[in-house]
Amino acid sequence: MRRITAEMLTQKGAHCAQFDEVQERFPDGVDPETVTPEEVADLSVGWAVQALLPAPARKAFKEAEATAWKDYVEATGSAWKEAHRGSGATAWKAYLEAEARAAIRVFRQYWR
């Protein structure tokens, strides 16, 4: 499987910050087969899916992302109602990791 490099992202219109983050963390590129959600959760994984993958992959990602977002909204709504400090940050981290898992899954299936 091909690695996703910072150069590829730049060719597709990535901003300097996106390029720098990927280049710094993954100087040899990201391998979708071995990367973990925790490693890429804070990167713009949705942007990479949109820029690099075909329509079926983008659709699958959007469906998974919508579910993750719904879970986040429900978790933060509960956190506000119950006034639990820190729950919002925990829910946001869970959303980012779910989004990353979805991106990794579609890259593994469609990126060749």
C-alpha atoms as a PDB file:
ATOM      1  CA  MET A   1       0.000   0.000   0.000  1.00  0.00           C
ATOM      2  CA  ARG A   2       1.283   3.466  -0.877  1.00  0.00           C
ATOM      3  CA  ARG A   3       2.166   5.872   1.881  1.00  0.00           C
ATOM      4  CA  ILE A   4       0.407   9.221   2.094  1.00  0.00           C
ATOM      5  CA  THR A   5       3.098  11.883   2.045  1.00  0.00           C
ATOM      6  CA  ALA A   6       3.069  15.534   2.951  1.00  0.00           C
ATOM      7  CA  GLU A   7       4.028  16.267  -0.655  1.00  0.00           C
ATOM      8  CA  MET A   8       0.900  14.474  -1.923  1.00  0.00           C
ATOM      9  CA  LEU A   9      -1.229  16.531   0.415  1.00  0.00           C
ATOM     10  CA  THR A  10       0.419  19.739  -0.768  1.00  0.00           C
ATOM     11  CA  GLN A  11      -0.257  18.833  -4.402  1.00  0.00           C
ATOM     12  CA  LYS A  12      -3.922  18.484  -3.454  1.00  0.00           C
ATOM     13  CA  GLY A  13      -3.975  21.914  -1.774  1.00  0.00           C
ATOM     14  CA  ALA A  14      -2.996  21.253   1.837  1.00  0.00           C
ATOM     15  CA  HIS A  15      -2.149  24.316   3.886  1.00  0.00           C
ATOM     16  CA  CYS A  16       1.341  24.834   5.304  1.00  0.00           C
ATOM     17  CA  ALA A  17       0.247  23.788   8.789  1.00  0.00           C
ATOM     18  CA  GLN A  18      -1.201  20.524   7.471  1.00  0.00           C
ATOM     19  CA  PHE A  19       1.967  19.852   5.499  1.00  0.00           C
ATOM     20  CA  ASP A  20       4.202  20.667   8.477  1.00  0.00           C
ATOM     21  CA  GLU A  21       2.263  18.455  10.898  1.00  0.00           C
ATOM     22  CA  VAL A  22       2.335  15.447   8.583  1.00  0.00           C
ATOM     23  CA  GLN A  23       5.968  16.012   7.579  1.00  0.00           C
ATOM     24  CA  GLU A  24       7.107  16.370  11.186  1.00  0.00           C
ATOM     25  CA  ARG A  25       5.192  13.407  12.552  1.00  0.00           C
ATOM     26  CA  PHE A  26       5.523  11.117   9.535  1.00  0.00           C
ATOM     27  CA  PRO A  27       8.675  12.100   7.592  1.00  0.00           C
ATOM     28  CA  ASP A  28       8.389   8.950   5.439  1.00  0.00           C
ATOM     29  CA  GLY A  29       4.632   9.352   4.966  1.00  0.00           C
ATOM     30  CA  VAL A  30       1.619   7.791   6.649  1.00  0.00           C
ATOM     31  CA  ASP A  31       0.997   4.100   6.089  1.00  0.00           C
ATOM     32  CA  PRO A  32      -2.784   3.531   6.304  1.00  0.00           C
ATOM     33  CA  GLU A  33      -2.181  -0.151   7.109  1.00  0.00           C
ATOM     34  CA  THR A  34      -0.249   0.512  10.309  1.00  0.00           C
ATOM     35  CA  VAL A  35      -1.259   3.971  11.550  1.00  0.00           C
ATOM     36  CA  THR A  36      -3.491   4.146  14.630  1.00  0.00           C
ATOM     37  CA  PRO A  37      -6.384   6.541  15.243  1.00  0.00           C
ATOM     38  CA  GLU A  38      -4.501   8.063  18.179  1.00  0.00           C
ATOM     39  CA  GLU A  39      -1.586   8.972  15.891  1.00  0.00           C
ATOM     40  CA  VAL A  40      -3.716  10.942  13.442  1.00  0.00           C
ATOM     41  CA  ALA A  41      -6.772  12.034  15.459  1.00  0.00           C
ATOM     42  CA  ASP A  42      -5.574  15.635  15.684  1.00  0.00           C
ATOM     43  CA  LEU A  43      -4.789  15.902  11.960  1.00  0.00           C
ATOM     44  CA  SER A  44      -7.265  16.931   9.244  1.00  0.00           C
ATOM     45  CA  VAL A  45      -8.165  13.368   8.321  1.00  0.00           C
ATOM     46  CA  GLY A  46     -11.462  14.394   6.739  1.00  0.00           C
ATOM     47  CA  TRP A  47      -9.657  16.768   4.425  1.00  0.00           C
ATOM     48  CA  ALA A  48      -7.292  13.988   3.343  1.00  0.00           C
ATOM     49  CA  VAL A  49     -10.216  11.649   2.630  1.00  0.00           C
ATOM     50  CA  GLN A  50     -11.922  14.336   0.535  1.00  0.00           C
ATOM     51  CA  ALA A  51      -8.747  15.233  -1.368  1.00  0.00           C
ATOM     52  CA  LEU A  52      -7.318  11.786  -2.044  1.00  0.00           C
ATOM     53  CA  LEU A  53     -10.072   9.171  -2.216  1.00  0.00           C
ATOM     54  CA  PRO A  54     -12.878   8.342  -4.678  1.00  0.00           C
ATOM     55  CA  ALA A  55     -16.566   9.073  -4.115  1.00  0.00           C
ATOM     56  CA  PRO A  56     -17.477   5.694  -2.495  1.00  0.00           C
ATOM     57  CA  ALA A  57     -14.779   6.218   0.136  1.00  0.00           C
ATOM     58  CA  ARG A  58     -15.877   9.792   0.790  1.00  0.00           C
ATOM     59  CA  LYS A  59     -19.464   8.624   1.246  1.00  0.00           C
ATOM     60  CA  ALA A  60     -18.467   5.861   3.680  1.00  0.00           C
ATOM     61  CA  PHE A  61     -16.339   8.329   5.634  1.00  0.00           C
ATOM     62  CA  LYS A  62     -19.126  10.928   5.815  1.00  0.00           C
ATOM     63  CA  GLU A  63     -21.561   8.318   7.151  1.00  0.00           C
ATOM     64  CA  ALA A  64     -19.125   7.206   9.852  1.00  0.00           C
ATOM     65  CA  GLU A  65     -18.235  10.814  10.661  1.00  0.00           C
ATOM     66  CA  ALA A  66     -21.923  11.707  11.060  1.00  0.00           C
ATOM     67  CA  THR A  67     -22.353   8.909  13.588  1.00  0.00           C
ATOM     68  CA  ALA A  68     -19.262  10.050  15.486  1.00  0.00           C
ATOM     69  CA  TRP A  69     -20.525  13.639  15.502  1.00  0.00           C
ATOM     70  CA  LYS A  70     -23.949  12.534  16.798  1.00  0.00           C
ATOM     71  CA  ASP A  71     -22.232  10.638  19.619  1.00  0.00           C
ATOM     72  CA  TYR A  72     -20.150  13.733  20.433  1.00  0.00           C
ATOM     73  CA  VAL A  73     -23.186  16.013  20.533  1.00  0.00           C
ATOM     74  CA  GLU A  74     -25.048  13.584  22.775  1.00  0.00           C
ATOM     75  CA  ALA A  75     -22.062  13.225  25.110  1.00  0.00           C
ATOM     76  CA  THR A  76     -21.500  16.950  25.433  1.00  0.00           C
ATOM     77  CA  GLY A  77     -25.200  17.611  25.877  1.00  0.00           C
ATOM     78  CA  SER A  78     -25.234  15.161  28.763  1.00  0.00           C
ATOM     79  CA  ALA A  79     -22.077  16.694  30.140  1.00  0.00           C
ATOM     80  CA  TRP A  80     -23.631  20.168  30.192  1.00  0.00           C
ATOM     81  CA  LYS A  81     -26.846  18.948  31.733  1.00  0.00           C
ATOM     82  CA  GLU A  82     -25.004  17.033  34.431  1.00  0.00           C
ATOM     83  CA  ALA A  83     -22.338  19.743  34.830  1.00  0.00           C
ATOM     84  CA  HIS A  84     -19.440  17.279  34.679  1.00  0.00           C
ATOM     85  CA  ARG A  85     -16.204  19.147  34.114  1.00  0.00           C
ATOM     86  CA  GLY A  86     -13.864  17.658  31.544  1.00  0.00           C
ATOM     87  CA  SER A  87     -16.562  15.581  29.875  1.00  0.00           C
ATOM     88  CA  GLY A  88     -16.600  17.880  26.860  1.00  0.00           C
ATOM     89  CA  ALA A  89     -12.876  17.395  26.261  1.00  0.00           C
ATOM     90  CA  THR A  90     -13.249  13.647  26.649  1.00  0.00           C
ATOM     91  CA  ALA A  91     -16.142  13.611  24.205  1.00  0.00           C
ATOM     92  CA  TRP A  92     -14.166  15.731  21.695  1.00  0.00           C
ATOM     93  CA  LYS A  93     -11.217  13.344  21.908  1.00  0.00           C
ATOM     94  CA  ALA A  94     -13.581  10.401  21.360  1.00  0.00           C
ATOM     95  CA  TYR A  95     -15.048  12.167  18.306  1.00  0.00           C
ATOM     96  CA  LEU A  96     -11.609  12.853  16.810  1.00  0.00           C
ATOM     97  CA  GLU A  97     -10.546   9.238  17.341  1.00  0.00           C
ATOM     98  CA  ALA A  98     -13.796   7.930  15.797  1.00  0.00           C
ATOM     99  CA  GLU A  99     -13.256  10.241  12.825  1.00  0.00           C
ATOM    100  CA  ALA A 100      -9.671   8.977  12.512  1.00  0.00           C
ATOM    101  CA  ARG A 101     -10.826   5.333  12.672  1.00  0.00           C
ATOM    102  CA  ALA A 102     -13.300   6.050   9.861  1.00  0.00           C
ATOM    103  CA  ALA A 103     -10.594   7.700   7.752  1.00  0.00           C
ATOM    104  CA  ILE A 104      -8.170   4.840   8.335  1.00  0.00           C
ATOM    105  CA  ARG A 105     -10.854   2.300   7.420  1.00  0.00           C
ATOM    106  CA  VAL A 106     -11.655   3.965   4.083  1.00  0.00           C
ATOM    107  CA  PHE A 107      -7.990   4.517   3.251  1.00  0.00           C
ATOM    108  CA  ARG A 108      -7.301   0.842   3.909  1.00  0.00           C
ATOM    109  CA  GLN A 109     -10.127  -0.128   1.604  1.00  0.00           C
ATOM    110  CA  TYR A 110      -9.667   2.380  -1.230  1.00  0.00           C
ATOM    111  CA  TRP A 111      -6.071   3.681  -1.183  1.00  0.00           C
ATOM    112  CA  ARG A 112      -3.791   1.661  -3.476  1.00  0.00           C
END
